[in-house]
Protein backbone atom coordinates (compact mmCIF):
# COMPACT_ATOMS: atom_id res chain seq x y z
CA UNK A 1 0.00 0.00 0.00
CA UNK A 2 1.16 3.51 -0.77
CA UNK A 3 1.84 5.85 2.09
CA UNK A 4 -0.56 8.82 2.01
CA UNK A 5 0.93 12.26 1.56
CA UNK A 6 -2.20 14.37 1.85
CA UNK A 7 -5.48 14.27 3.71
CA UNK A 8 -8.55 15.78 2.12
CA UNK A 9 -10.96 16.96 4.81
CA UNK A 10 -14.39 18.18 3.79
CA UNK A 11 -16.99 19.42 6.26
CA UNK A 12 -20.57 20.17 5.25
CA UNK A 13 -24.22 19.92 6.17
CA UNK A 14 -26.92 18.24 4.16
CA UNK A 15 -29.76 20.14 2.54
CA UNK A 16 -32.91 20.20 4.64
CA UNK A 17 -34.74 17.61 2.53
CA UNK A 18 -31.84 15.12 2.36
CA UNK A 19 -32.01 12.01 4.50
CA UNK A 20 -28.77 10.82 6.11
CA UNK A 21 -29.51 7.25 4.98
CA UNK A 22 -29.97 8.27 1.33
CA UNK A 23 -26.85 10.41 1.53
CA UNK A 24 -24.78 7.54 2.93
CA UNK A 25 -25.92 5.33 0.03
CA UNK A 26 -25.06 8.04 -2.50
CA UNK A 27 -21.65 8.47 -0.87
CA UNK A 28 -21.03 4.74 -1.04
CA UNK A 29 -21.90 4.79 -4.75
CA UNK A 30 -18.86 7.06 -5.26
CA UNK A 31 -16.48 4.46 -3.83
CA UNK A 32 -15.82 2.50 -7.07
CA UNK A 33 -14.83 5.72 -8.84
CA UNK A 34 -12.57 6.82 -5.98
CA UNK A 35 -10.89 3.41 -5.91
CA UNK A 36 -10.45 3.48 -9.69
CA UNK A 37 -8.16 6.51 -9.37
CA UNK A 38 -5.50 4.26 -7.85
CA UNK A 39 -4.57 7.15 -5.55
CA UNK A 40 -7.09 6.86 -2.72
CA UNK A 41 -5.62 5.19 0.37
CA UNK A 42 -8.65 5.32 2.65
CA UNK A 43 -11.93 7.10 3.14
CA UNK A 44 -14.22 7.76 6.08
CA UNK A 45 -17.49 9.62 6.37
CA UNK A 46 -18.97 10.69 9.69
CA UNK A 47 -21.66 12.96 11.09
CA UNK A 48 -21.83 14.52 14.53
CA UNK A 49 -25.06 15.02 16.52
CA UNK A 50 -25.43 18.60 15.20
CA UNK A 51 -25.57 17.33 11.60
CA UNK A 52 -22.05 18.38 10.63
CA UNK A 53 -20.61 15.80 8.26
CA UNK A 54 -16.91 15.16 7.71
CA UNK A 55 -15.40 13.23 4.82
CA UNK A 56 -11.76 12.34 5.31
CA UNK A 57 -9.83 10.86 2.38
CA UNK A 58 -6.15 9.96 2.40
CA UNK A 59 -4.51 10.35 -1.00
CA UNK A 60 -1.12 9.50 -2.43
CA UNK A 61 -0.66 13.15 -3.45
CA UNK A 62 -2.42 16.50 -3.50
CA UNK A 63 -2.34 16.46 -7.30
CA UNK A 64 -4.16 13.10 -7.31
CA UNK A 65 -6.78 14.48 -4.91
CA UNK A 66 -7.34 17.51 -7.12
CA UNK A 67 -7.53 15.38 -10.29
CA UNK A 68 -10.12 13.13 -8.65
CA UNK A 69 -12.18 16.14 -7.54
CA UNK A 70 -12.21 17.49 -11.09
CA UNK A 71 -13.06 14.12 -12.65
CA UNK A 72 -15.77 13.44 -10.09
CA UNK A 73 -18.05 16.08 -11.58
CA UNK A 74 -18.07 14.17 -14.87
CA UNK A 75 -19.34 11.02 -13.14
CA UNK A 76 -23.11 10.35 -13.23
CA UNK A 77 -23.04 8.90 -9.70
CA UNK A 78 -21.74 12.22 -8.38
CA UNK A 79 -25.06 13.95 -9.05
CA UNK A 80 -27.10 12.35 -6.25
CA UNK A 81 -24.15 12.69 -3.85
CA UNK A 82 -23.53 16.38 -4.54
CA UNK A 83 -27.24 17.27 -4.79
CA UNK A 84 -27.75 16.47 -1.10
CA UNK A 85 -24.89 18.68 0.16
CA UNK A 86 -25.59 22.29 1.13
CA UNK A 87 -22.86 24.11 -0.84
CA UNK A 88 -23.11 27.23 1.31
CA UNK A 89 -21.78 25.31 4.30
CA UNK A 90 -19.09 23.17 2.63
CA UNK A 91 -15.40 23.63 3.46
CA UNK A 92 -12.66 21.59 1.78
CA UNK A 93 -9.05 21.62 2.78
CA UNK A 94 -5.92 19.57 2.18
CA UNK A 95 -3.31 18.87 4.82
CA UNK A 96 0.04 17.11 4.61
CA UNK A 97 0.01 13.82 6.51
CA UNK A 98 2.42 13.95 9.45
CA UNK A 99 1.56 10.54 10.94
CA UNK A 100 -0.11 7.56 9.35
CA UNK A 101 -0.93 4.38 11.26
CA UNK A 102 -2.20 1.70 8.86
CA UNK A 103 -4.62 -0.95 10.10
CA UNK A 104 -2.90 -3.83 11.84
PDB file of N, CA and C in Angstrom:
ATOM      1  N   UNK A   1       0.835  -1.182   0.000  1.00  0.00           N
ATOM      2  CA  UNK A   1       0.000   0.000   0.000  1.00  0.00           C
ATOM      3  C   UNK A   1       0.878   1.243   0.000  1.00  0.00           C
ATOM      4  N   UNK A   2       0.439   2.230  -0.747  1.00  0.00           N
ATOM      5  CA  UNK A   2       1.157   3.508  -0.772  1.00  0.00           C
ATOM      6  C   UNK A   2       0.955   4.259   0.533  1.00  0.00           C
ATOM      7  N   UNK A   3       1.957   4.983   0.931  1.00  0.00           N
ATOM      8  CA  UNK A   3       1.841   5.846   2.092  1.00  0.00           C
ATOM      9  C   UNK A   3       1.128   7.129   1.652  1.00  0.00           C
ATOM     10  N   UNK A   4       0.134   7.584   2.403  1.00  0.00           N
ATOM     11  CA  UNK A   4      -0.556   8.818   2.009  1.00  0.00           C
ATOM     12  C   UNK A   4       0.342  10.026   2.231  1.00  0.00           C
ATOM     13  N   UNK A   5       0.191  11.016   1.376  1.00  0.00           N
ATOM     14  CA  UNK A   5       0.932  12.257   1.556  1.00  0.00           C
ATOM     15  C   UNK A   5       0.007  13.413   1.892  1.00  0.00           C
ATOM     16  N   UNK A   6      -1.271  13.266   1.594  1.00  0.00           N
ATOM     17  CA  UNK A   6      -2.199  14.368   1.850  1.00  0.00           C
ATOM     18  C   UNK A   6      -3.549  13.832   2.315  1.00  0.00           C
ATOM     19  N   UNK A   7      -4.126  14.554   3.246  1.00  0.00           N
ATOM     20  CA  UNK A   7      -5.485  14.272   3.709  1.00  0.00           C
ATOM     21  C   UNK A   7      -6.406  15.330   3.123  1.00  0.00           C
ATOM     22  N   UNK A   8      -7.507  14.877   2.588  1.00  0.00           N
ATOM     23  CA  UNK A   8      -8.549  15.784   2.121  1.00  0.00           C
ATOM     24  C   UNK A   8      -9.651  15.734   3.165  1.00  0.00           C
ATOM     25  N   UNK A   9      -9.951  16.873   3.757  1.00  0.00           N
ATOM     26  CA  UNK A   9     -10.957  16.958   4.807  1.00  0.00           C
ATOM     27  C   UNK A   9     -12.047  17.906   4.335  1.00  0.00           C
ATOM     28  N   UNK A  10     -13.262  17.387   4.249  1.00  0.00           N
ATOM     29  CA  UNK A  10     -14.390  18.184   3.787  1.00  0.00           C
ATOM     30  C   UNK A  10     -15.456  18.159   4.873  1.00  0.00           C
ATOM     31  N   UNK A  11     -15.886  19.329   5.295  1.00  0.00           N
ATOM     32  CA  UNK A  11     -16.989  19.416   6.256  1.00  0.00           C
ATOM     33  C   UNK A  11     -18.163  20.099   5.565  1.00  0.00           C
ATOM     34  N   UNK A  12     -19.365  19.651   5.914  1.00  0.00           N
ATOM     35  CA  UNK A  12     -20.571  20.169   5.253  1.00  0.00           C
ATOM     36  C   UNK A  12     -21.803  19.744   6.035  1.00  0.00           C
ATOM     37  N   UNK A  13     -22.910  20.327   5.660  1.00  0.00           N
ATOM     38  CA  UNK A  13     -24.221  19.919   6.166  1.00  0.00           C
ATOM     39  C   UNK A  13     -25.065  19.506   4.963  1.00  0.00           C
ATOM     40  N   UNK A  14     -26.013  18.655   5.218  1.00  0.00           N
ATOM     41  CA  UNK A  14     -26.920  18.235   4.160  1.00  0.00           C
ATOM     42  C   UNK A  14     -28.019  19.273   3.977  1.00  0.00           C
ATOM     43  N   UNK A  15     -28.588  19.296   2.784  1.00  0.00           N
ATOM     44  CA  UNK A  15     -29.755  20.140   2.539  1.00  0.00           C
ATOM     45  C   UNK A  15     -30.895  19.645   3.420  1.00  0.00           C
ATOM     46  N   UNK A  16     -31.822  20.524   3.719  1.00  0.00           N
ATOM     47  CA  UNK A  16     -32.914  20.200   4.641  1.00  0.00           C
ATOM     48  C   UNK A  16     -33.685  18.947   4.256  1.00  0.00           C
ATOM     49  N   UNK A  17     -33.910  18.734   2.967  1.00  0.00           N
ATOM     50  CA  UNK A  17     -34.739  17.610   2.528  1.00  0.00           C
ATOM     51  C   UNK A  17     -33.953  16.311   2.318  1.00  0.00           C
ATOM     52  N   UNK A  18     -32.671  16.311   2.593  1.00  0.00           N
ATOM     53  CA  UNK A  18     -31.840  15.122   2.361  1.00  0.00           C
ATOM     54  C   UNK A  18     -31.831  14.230   3.599  1.00  0.00           C
ATOM     55  N   UNK A  19     -32.063  12.945   3.369  1.00  0.00           N
ATOM     56  CA  UNK A  19     -32.011  12.013   4.498  1.00  0.00           C
ATOM     57  C   UNK A  19     -30.583  11.496   4.653  1.00  0.00           C
ATOM     58  N   UNK A  20     -30.116  11.352   5.887  1.00  0.00           N
ATOM     59  CA  UNK A  20     -28.773  10.825   6.114  1.00  0.00           C
ATOM     60  C   UNK A  20     -28.582   9.429   5.517  1.00  0.00           C
ATOM     61  N   UNK A  21     -29.611   8.607   5.540  1.00  0.00           N
ATOM     62  CA  UNK A  21     -29.511   7.248   4.980  1.00  0.00           C
ATOM     63  C   UNK A  21     -29.315   7.299   3.470  1.00  0.00           C
ATOM     64  N   UNK A  22     -30.109   8.136   2.790  1.00  0.00           N
ATOM     65  CA  UNK A  22     -29.967   8.273   1.335  1.00  0.00           C
ATOM     66  C   UNK A  22     -28.613   8.863   0.984  1.00  0.00           C
ATOM     67  N   UNK A  23     -28.152   9.813   1.788  1.00  0.00           N
ATOM     68  CA  UNK A  23     -26.847  10.410   1.526  1.00  0.00           C
ATOM     69  C   UNK A  23     -25.733   9.383   1.676  1.00  0.00           C
ATOM     70  N   UNK A  24     -25.811   8.573   2.716  1.00  0.00           N
ATOM     71  CA  UNK A  24     -24.782   7.538   2.925  1.00  0.00           C
ATOM     72  C   UNK A  24     -24.738   6.574   1.746  1.00  0.00           C
ATOM     73  N   UNK A  25     -25.887   6.210   1.212  1.00  0.00           N
ATOM     74  CA  UNK A  25     -25.925   5.326   0.034  1.00  0.00           C
ATOM     75  C   UNK A  25     -25.318   6.009  -1.182  1.00  0.00           C
ATOM     76  N   UNK A  26     -25.627   7.291  -1.370  1.00  0.00           N
ATOM     77  CA  UNK A  26     -25.057   8.036  -2.498  1.00  0.00           C
ATOM     78  C   UNK A  26     -23.548   8.177  -2.345  1.00  0.00           C
ATOM     79  N   UNK A  27     -23.092   8.379  -1.120  1.00  0.00           N
ATOM     80  CA  UNK A  27     -21.652   8.474  -0.867  1.00  0.00           C
ATOM     81  C   UNK A  27     -20.970   7.149  -1.179  1.00  0.00           C
ATOM     82  N   UNK A  28     -21.597   6.063  -0.772  1.00  0.00           N
ATOM     83  CA  UNK A  28     -21.032   4.738  -1.045  1.00  0.00           C
ATOM     84  C   UNK A  28     -20.960   4.465  -2.542  1.00  0.00           C
ATOM     85  N   UNK A  29     -21.906   4.982  -3.297  1.00  0.00           N
ATOM     86  CA  UNK A  29     -21.903   4.792  -4.752  1.00  0.00           C
ATOM     87  C   UNK A  29     -20.701   5.460  -5.414  1.00  0.00           C
ATOM     88  N   UNK A  30     -20.058   6.392  -4.727  1.00  0.00           N
ATOM     89  CA  UNK A  30     -18.865   7.058  -5.258  1.00  0.00           C
ATOM     90  C   UNK A  30     -17.596   6.219  -5.051  1.00  0.00           C
ATOM     91  N   UNK A  31     -17.666   5.227  -4.185  1.00  0.00           N
ATOM     92  CA  UNK A  31     -16.476   4.457  -3.828  1.00  0.00           C
ATOM     93  C   UNK A  31     -15.796   3.784  -5.023  1.00  0.00           C
ATOM     94  N   UNK A  32     -16.529   3.116  -5.925  1.00  0.00           N
ATOM     95  CA  UNK A  32     -15.822   2.502  -7.070  1.00  0.00           C
ATOM     96  C   UNK A  32     -15.019   3.515  -7.887  1.00  0.00           C
ATOM     97  N   UNK A  33     -15.591   4.694  -8.109  1.00  0.00           N
ATOM     98  CA  UNK A  33     -14.831   5.717  -8.842  1.00  0.00           C
ATOM     99  C   UNK A  33     -13.575   6.117  -8.067  1.00  0.00           C
ATOM    100  N   UNK A  34     -13.726   6.394  -6.772  1.00  0.00           N
ATOM    101  CA  UNK A  34     -12.567   6.820  -5.979  1.00  0.00           C
ATOM    102  C   UNK A  34     -11.478   5.758  -5.979  1.00  0.00           C
ATOM    103  N   UNK A  35     -11.876   4.494  -5.863  1.00  0.00           N
ATOM    104  CA  UNK A  35     -10.887   3.414  -5.913  1.00  0.00           C
ATOM    105  C   UNK A  35     -10.230   3.311  -7.283  1.00  0.00           C
ATOM    106  N   UNK A  36     -10.989   3.608  -8.333  1.00  0.00           N
ATOM    107  CA  UNK A  36     -10.451   3.483  -9.693  1.00  0.00           C
ATOM    108  C   UNK A  36      -9.341   4.483  -9.976  1.00  0.00           C
ATOM    109  N   UNK A  37      -9.237   5.525  -9.162  1.00  0.00           N
ATOM    110  CA  UNK A  37      -8.163   6.507  -9.370  1.00  0.00           C
ATOM    111  C   UNK A  37      -6.795   5.901  -9.076  1.00  0.00           C
ATOM    112  N   UNK A  38      -6.771   4.861  -8.242  1.00  0.00           N
ATOM    113  CA  UNK A  38      -5.504   4.259  -7.845  1.00  0.00           C
ATOM    114  C   UNK A  38      -4.719   5.113  -6.857  1.00  0.00           C
ATOM    115  N   UNK A  39      -5.286   6.227  -6.431  1.00  0.00           N
ATOM    116  CA  UNK A  39      -4.572   7.148  -5.552  1.00  0.00           C
ATOM    117  C   UNK A  39      -5.229   7.300  -4.181  1.00  0.00           C
ATOM    118  N   UNK A  40      -6.421   6.771  -4.014  1.00  0.00           N
ATOM    119  CA  UNK A  40      -7.089   6.865  -2.724  1.00  0.00           C
ATOM    120  C   UNK A  40      -6.553   5.769  -1.812  1.00  0.00           C
ATOM    121  N   UNK A  41      -6.125   6.150  -0.618  1.00  0.00           N
ATOM    122  CA  UNK A  41      -5.616   5.189   0.366  1.00  0.00           C
ATOM    123  C   UNK A  41      -6.752   4.714   1.263  1.00  0.00           C
ATOM    124  N   UNK A  42      -7.528   5.672   1.780  1.00  0.00           N
ATOM    125  CA  UNK A  42      -8.651   5.320   2.646  1.00  0.00           C
ATOM    126  C   UNK A  42      -9.653   6.456   2.634  1.00  0.00           C
ATOM    127  N   UNK A  43     -10.857   6.119   3.124  1.00  0.00           N
ATOM    128  CA  UNK A  43     -11.933   7.105   3.141  1.00  0.00           C
ATOM    129  C   UNK A  43     -12.816   6.835   4.346  1.00  0.00           C
ATOM    130  N   UNK A  44     -13.228   7.890   5.017  1.00  0.00           N
ATOM    131  CA  UNK A  44     -14.224   7.758   6.077  1.00  0.00           C
ATOM    132  C   UNK A  44     -15.219   8.908   5.954  1.00  0.00           C
ATOM    133  N   UNK A  45     -16.426   8.628   6.403  1.00  0.00           N
ATOM    134  CA  UNK A  45     -17.493   9.616   6.370  1.00  0.00           C
ATOM    135  C   UNK A  45     -18.198   9.543   7.713  1.00  0.00           C
ATOM    136  N   UNK A  46     -18.343  10.679   8.367  1.00  0.00           N
ATOM    137  CA  UNK A  46     -18.970  10.694   9.688  1.00  0.00           C
ATOM    138  C   UNK A  46     -19.863  11.920   9.816  1.00  0.00           C
ATOM    139  N   UNK A  47     -20.786  11.828  10.788  1.00  0.00           N
ATOM    140  CA  UNK A  47     -21.664  12.960  11.093  1.00  0.00           C
ATOM    141  C   UNK A  47     -21.770  13.083  12.599  1.00  0.00           C
ATOM    142  N   UNK A  48     -21.689  14.316  13.084  1.00  0.00           N
ATOM    143  CA  UNK A  48     -21.833  14.518  14.528  1.00  0.00           C
ATOM    144  C   UNK A  48     -23.309  14.780  14.856  1.00  0.00           C
ATOM    145  N   UNK A  49     -23.651  14.837  16.132  1.00  0.00           N
ATOM    146  CA  UNK A  49     -25.059  15.023  16.518  1.00  0.00           C
ATOM    147  C   UNK A  49     -25.691  16.324  16.007  1.00  0.00           C
ATOM    148  N   UNK A  50     -24.879  17.334  15.700  1.00  0.00           N
ATOM    149  CA  UNK A  50     -25.427  18.601  15.201  1.00  0.00           C
ATOM    150  C   UNK A  50     -25.725  18.555  13.701  1.00  0.00           C
ATOM    151  N   UNK A  51     -25.349  17.444  13.037  1.00  0.00           N
ATOM    152  CA  UNK A  51     -25.571  17.332  11.598  1.00  0.00           C
ATOM    153  C   UNK A  51     -24.399  17.790  10.757  1.00  0.00           C
ATOM    154  N   UNK A  52     -23.258  18.031  11.376  1.00  0.00           N
ATOM    155  CA  UNK A  52     -22.051  18.384  10.627  1.00  0.00           C
ATOM    156  C   UNK A  52     -21.388  17.099  10.162  1.00  0.00           C
ATOM    157  N   UNK A  53     -21.230  16.964   8.863  1.00  0.00           N
ATOM    158  CA  UNK A  53     -20.611  15.797   8.256  1.00  0.00           C
ATOM    159  C   UNK A  53     -19.146  16.092   7.985  1.00  0.00           C
ATOM    160  N   UNK A  54     -18.317  15.049   8.056  1.00  0.00           N
ATOM    161  CA  UNK A  54     -16.905  15.157   7.709  1.00  0.00           C
ATOM    162  C   UNK A  54     -16.535  13.975   6.837  1.00  0.00           C
ATOM    163  N   UNK A  55     -15.974  14.272   5.669  1.00  0.00           N
ATOM    164  CA  UNK A  55     -15.403  13.225   4.818  1.00  0.00           C
ATOM    165  C   UNK A  55     -13.895  13.409   4.895  1.00  0.00           C
ATOM    166  N   UNK A  56     -13.206  12.309   5.147  1.00  0.00           N
ATOM    167  CA  UNK A  56     -11.757  12.339   5.309  1.00  0.00           C
ATOM    168  C   UNK A  56     -11.189  11.300   4.350  1.00  0.00           C
ATOM    169  N   UNK A  57     -10.436  11.763   3.361  1.00  0.00           N
ATOM    170  CA  UNK A  57      -9.834  10.855   2.380  1.00  0.00           C
ATOM    171  C   UNK A  57      -8.326  11.039   2.411  1.00  0.00           C
ATOM    172  N   UNK A  58      -7.610   9.930   2.509  1.00  0.00           N
ATOM    173  CA  UNK A  58      -6.154   9.956   2.398  1.00  0.00           C
ATOM    174  C   UNK A  58      -5.783   9.633   0.954  1.00  0.00           C
ATOM    175  N   UNK A  59      -4.936  10.471   0.394  1.00  0.00           N
ATOM    176  CA  UNK A  59      -4.506  10.346  -1.001  1.00  0.00           C
ATOM    177  C   UNK A  59      -2.986  10.187  -1.077  1.00  0.00           C
ATOM    178  N   UNK A  60      -2.552   9.642  -2.198  1.00  0.00           N
ATOM    179  CA  UNK A  60      -1.117   9.503  -2.432  1.00  0.00           C
ATOM    180  C   UNK A  60      -0.448  10.837  -2.725  1.00  0.00           C
ATOM    181  N   UNK A  61      -1.226  11.822  -3.185  1.00  0.00           N
ATOM    182  CA  UNK A  61      -0.662  13.152  -3.453  1.00  0.00           C
ATOM    183  C   UNK A  61      -1.786  14.178  -3.541  1.00  0.00           C
ATOM    184  N   UNK A  62      -1.436  15.430  -3.362  1.00  0.00           N
ATOM    185  CA  UNK A  62      -2.417  16.499  -3.500  1.00  0.00           C
ATOM    186  C   UNK A  62      -2.882  16.606  -4.945  1.00  0.00           C
ATOM    187  N   UNK A  63      -1.969  16.404  -5.882  1.00  0.00           N
ATOM    188  CA  UNK A  63      -2.343  16.455  -7.297  1.00  0.00           C
ATOM    189  C   UNK A  63      -3.374  15.379  -7.622  1.00  0.00           C
ATOM    190  N   UNK A  64      -3.191  14.184  -7.072  1.00  0.00           N
ATOM    191  CA  UNK A  64      -4.157  13.105  -7.306  1.00  0.00           C
ATOM    192  C   UNK A  64      -5.511  13.457  -6.718  1.00  0.00           C
ATOM    193  N   UNK A  65      -5.528  14.065  -5.543  1.00  0.00           N
ATOM    194  CA  UNK A  65      -6.783  14.480  -4.913  1.00  0.00           C
ATOM    195  C   UNK A  65      -7.495  15.511  -5.781  1.00  0.00           C
ATOM    196  N   UNK A  66      -6.744  16.460  -6.292  1.00  0.00           N
ATOM    197  CA  UNK A  66      -7.336  17.507  -7.123  1.00  0.00           C
ATOM    198  C   UNK A  66      -7.831  16.947  -8.456  1.00  0.00           C
ATOM    199  N   UNK A  67      -7.092  16.011  -9.041  1.00  0.00           N
ATOM    200  CA  UNK A  67      -7.535  15.381 -10.288  1.00  0.00           C
ATOM    201  C   UNK A  67      -8.825  14.599 -10.066  1.00  0.00           C
ATOM    202  N   UNK A  68      -8.910  13.892  -8.957  1.00  0.00           N
ATOM    203  CA  UNK A  68     -10.123  13.131  -8.653  1.00  0.00           C
ATOM    204  C   UNK A  68     -11.306  14.070  -8.448  1.00  0.00           C
ATOM    205  N   UNK A  69     -11.092  15.184  -7.773  1.00  0.00           N
ATOM    206  CA  UNK A  69     -12.182  16.139  -7.545  1.00  0.00           C
ATOM    207  C   UNK A  69     -12.704  16.692  -8.862  1.00  0.00           C
ATOM    208  N   UNK A  70     -11.810  16.987  -9.781  1.00  0.00           N
ATOM    209  CA  UNK A  70     -12.214  17.493 -11.087  1.00  0.00           C
ATOM    210  C   UNK A  70     -12.966  16.429 -11.873  1.00  0.00           C
ATOM    211  N   UNK A  71     -12.439  15.213 -11.896  1.00  0.00           N
ATOM    212  CA  UNK A  71     -13.059  14.121 -12.650  1.00  0.00           C
ATOM    213  C   UNK A  71     -14.394  13.701 -12.050  1.00  0.00           C
ATOM    214  N   UNK A  72     -14.544  13.872 -10.753  1.00  0.00           N
ATOM    215  CA  UNK A  72     -15.772  13.442 -10.088  1.00  0.00           C
ATOM    216  C   UNK A  72     -17.009  14.104 -10.690  1.00  0.00           C
ATOM    217  N   UNK A  73     -16.898  15.364 -11.067  1.00  0.00           N
ATOM    218  CA  UNK A  73     -18.053  16.083 -11.585  1.00  0.00           C
ATOM    219  C   UNK A  73     -18.505  15.572 -12.953  1.00  0.00           C
ATOM    220  N   UNK A  74     -17.695  14.770 -13.600  1.00  0.00           N
ATOM    221  CA  UNK A  74     -18.067  14.167 -14.870  1.00  0.00           C
ATOM    222  C   UNK A  74     -18.750  12.816 -14.673  1.00  0.00           C
ATOM    223  N   UNK A  75     -18.790  12.328 -13.449  1.00  0.00           N
ATOM    224  CA  UNK A  75     -19.343  11.015 -13.137  1.00  0.00           C
ATOM    225  C   UNK A  75     -20.844  11.123 -12.857  1.00  0.00           C
ATOM    226  N   UNK A  76     -21.663  10.269 -13.479  1.00  0.00           N
ATOM    227  CA  UNK A  76     -23.113  10.347 -13.229  1.00  0.00           C
ATOM    228  C   UNK A  76     -23.489  10.067 -11.775  1.00  0.00           C
ATOM    229  N   UNK A  77     -22.720   9.218 -11.092  1.00  0.00           N
ATOM    230  CA  UNK A  77     -23.040   8.896  -9.701  1.00  0.00           C
ATOM    231  C   UNK A  77     -22.743  10.057  -8.751  1.00  0.00           C
ATOM    232  N   UNK A  78     -22.035  11.067  -9.222  1.00  0.00           N
ATOM    233  CA  UNK A  78     -21.736  12.221  -8.375  1.00  0.00           C
ATOM    234  C   UNK A  78     -22.952  13.119  -8.177  1.00  0.00           C
ATOM    235  N   UNK A  79     -23.876  13.089  -9.129  1.00  0.00           N
ATOM    236  CA  UNK A  79     -25.062  13.946  -9.046  1.00  0.00           C
ATOM    237  C   UNK A  79     -25.859  13.765  -7.767  1.00  0.00           C
ATOM    238  N   UNK A  80     -26.327  12.539  -7.482  1.00  0.00           N
ATOM    239  CA  UNK A  80     -27.100  12.351  -6.254  1.00  0.00           C
ATOM    240  C   UNK A  80     -26.306  12.702  -4.996  1.00  0.00           C
ATOM    241  N   UNK A  81     -25.021  12.392  -4.985  1.00  0.00           N
ATOM    242  CA  UNK A  81     -24.155  12.691  -3.847  1.00  0.00           C
ATOM    243  C   UNK A  81     -24.063  14.201  -3.623  1.00  0.00           C
ATOM    244  N   UNK A  82     -23.725  14.929  -4.660  1.00  0.00           N
ATOM    245  CA  UNK A  82     -23.529  16.376  -4.539  1.00  0.00           C
ATOM    246  C   UNK A  82     -24.851  17.122  -4.336  1.00  0.00           C
ATOM    247  N   UNK A  83     -25.950  16.602  -4.904  1.00  0.00           N
ATOM    248  CA  UNK A  83     -27.243  17.273  -4.788  1.00  0.00           C
ATOM    249  C   UNK A  83     -27.764  17.333  -3.360  1.00  0.00           C
ATOM    250  N   UNK A  84     -27.270  16.480  -2.479  1.00  0.00           N
ATOM    251  CA  UNK A  84     -27.745  16.470  -1.097  1.00  0.00           C
ATOM    252  C   UNK A  84     -26.909  17.346  -0.163  1.00  0.00           C
ATOM    253  N   UNK A  85     -25.784  17.855  -0.656  1.00  0.00           N
ATOM    254  CA  UNK A  85     -24.892  18.682   0.164  1.00  0.00           C
ATOM    255  C   UNK A  85     -25.264  20.152   0.013  1.00  0.00           C
ATOM    256  N   UNK A  86     -25.348  20.845   1.136  1.00  0.00           N
ATOM    257  CA  UNK A  86     -25.589  22.289   1.132  1.00  0.00           C
ATOM    258  C   UNK A  86     -24.262  22.980   0.781  1.00  0.00           C
ATOM    259  N   UNK A  87     -24.146  23.526  -0.436  1.00  0.00           N
ATOM    260  CA  UNK A  87     -22.857  24.108  -0.845  1.00  0.00           C
ATOM    261  C   UNK A  87     -22.466  25.345  -0.045  1.00  0.00           C
ATOM    262  N   UNK A  88     -23.428  26.007   0.563  1.00  0.00           N
ATOM    263  CA  UNK A  88     -23.110  27.231   1.311  1.00  0.00           C
ATOM    264  C   UNK A  88     -22.373  26.936   2.613  1.00  0.00           C
ATOM    265  N   UNK A  89     -22.388  25.669   3.024  1.00  0.00           N
ATOM    266  CA  UNK A  89     -21.777  25.309   4.304  1.00  0.00           C
ATOM    267  C   UNK A  89     -20.598  24.345   4.127  1.00  0.00           C
ATOM    268  N   UNK A  90     -20.152  24.144   2.894  1.00  0.00           N
ATOM    269  CA  UNK A  90     -19.089  23.172   2.628  1.00  0.00           C
ATOM    270  C   UNK A  90     -17.717  23.838   2.691  1.00  0.00           C
ATOM    271  N   UNK A  91     -16.792  23.165   3.376  1.00  0.00           N
ATOM    272  CA  UNK A  91     -15.402  23.633   3.465  1.00  0.00           C
ATOM    273  C   UNK A  91     -14.500  22.455   3.134  1.00  0.00           C
ATOM    274  N   UNK A  92     -13.626  22.634   2.150  1.00  0.00           N
ATOM    275  CA  UNK A  92     -12.659  21.591   1.778  1.00  0.00           C
ATOM    276  C   UNK A  92     -11.260  22.115   2.021  1.00  0.00           C
ATOM    277  N   UNK A  93     -10.447  21.245   2.602  1.00  0.00           N
ATOM    278  CA  UNK A  93      -9.048  21.621   2.780  1.00  0.00           C
ATOM    279  C   UNK A  93      -8.181  20.388   2.588  1.00  0.00           C
ATOM    280  N   UNK A  94      -6.916  20.632   2.321  1.00  0.00           N
ATOM    281  CA  UNK A  94      -5.917  19.572   2.182  1.00  0.00           C
ATOM    282  C   UNK A  94      -4.817  19.824   3.199  1.00  0.00           C
ATOM    283  N   UNK A  95      -4.362  18.752   3.821  1.00  0.00           N
ATOM    284  CA  UNK A  95      -3.305  18.874   4.824  1.00  0.00           C
ATOM    285  C   UNK A  95      -2.274  17.779   4.595  1.00  0.00           C
ATOM    286  N   UNK A  96      -1.009  18.115   4.728  1.00  0.00           N
ATOM    287  CA  UNK A  96       0.040  17.110   4.611  1.00  0.00           C
ATOM    288  C   UNK A  96      -0.073  16.125   5.774  1.00  0.00           C
ATOM    289  N   UNK A  97       0.098  14.857   5.485  1.00  0.00           N
ATOM    290  CA  UNK A  97       0.011  13.821   6.512  1.00  0.00           C
ATOM    291  C   UNK A  97       1.323  13.790   7.283  1.00  0.00           C
ATOM    292  N   UNK A  98       1.235  13.966   8.591  1.00  0.00           N
ATOM    293  CA  UNK A  98       2.417  13.947   9.446  1.00  0.00           C
ATOM    294  C   UNK A  98       2.599  12.591  10.116  1.00  0.00           C
ATOM    295  N   UNK A  99       1.501  11.861  10.306  1.00  0.00           N
ATOM    296  CA  UNK A  99       1.556  10.541  10.941  1.00  0.00           C
ATOM    297  C   UNK A  99       0.471   9.688  10.335  1.00  0.00           C
ATOM    298  N   UNK A 100       0.840   8.489   9.938  1.00  0.00           N
ATOM    299  CA  UNK A 100      -0.113   7.558   9.354  1.00  0.00           C
ATOM    300  C   UNK A 100       0.078   6.207  10.017  1.00  0.00           C
ATOM    301  N   UNK A 101      -0.968   5.691  10.628  1.00  0.00           N
ATOM    302  CA  UNK A 101      -0.931   4.377  11.263  1.00  0.00           C
ATOM    303  C   UNK A 101      -1.866   3.460  10.483  1.00  0.00           C
ATOM    304  N   UNK A 102      -1.335   2.594   9.642  1.00  0.00           N
ATOM    305  CA  UNK A 102      -2.203   1.701   8.863  1.00  0.00           C
ATOM    306  C   UNK A 102      -2.871   0.675   9.770  1.00  0.00           C
ATOM    307  N   UNK A 103      -3.986   0.099   9.307  1.00  0.00           N
ATOM    308  CA  UNK A 103      -4.624  -0.951  10.098  1.00  0.00           C
ATOM    309  C   UNK A 103      -3.653  -2.093  10.355  1.00  0.00           C
ATOM    310  N   UNK A 104      -3.785  -2.690  11.504  1.00  0.00           N
ATOM    311  CA  UNK A 104      -2.897  -3.831  11.843  1.00  0.00           C
ATOM    312  C   UNK A 104      -3.448  -5.112  11.276  1.00  0.00           C
TER     313      UNK A 104
END
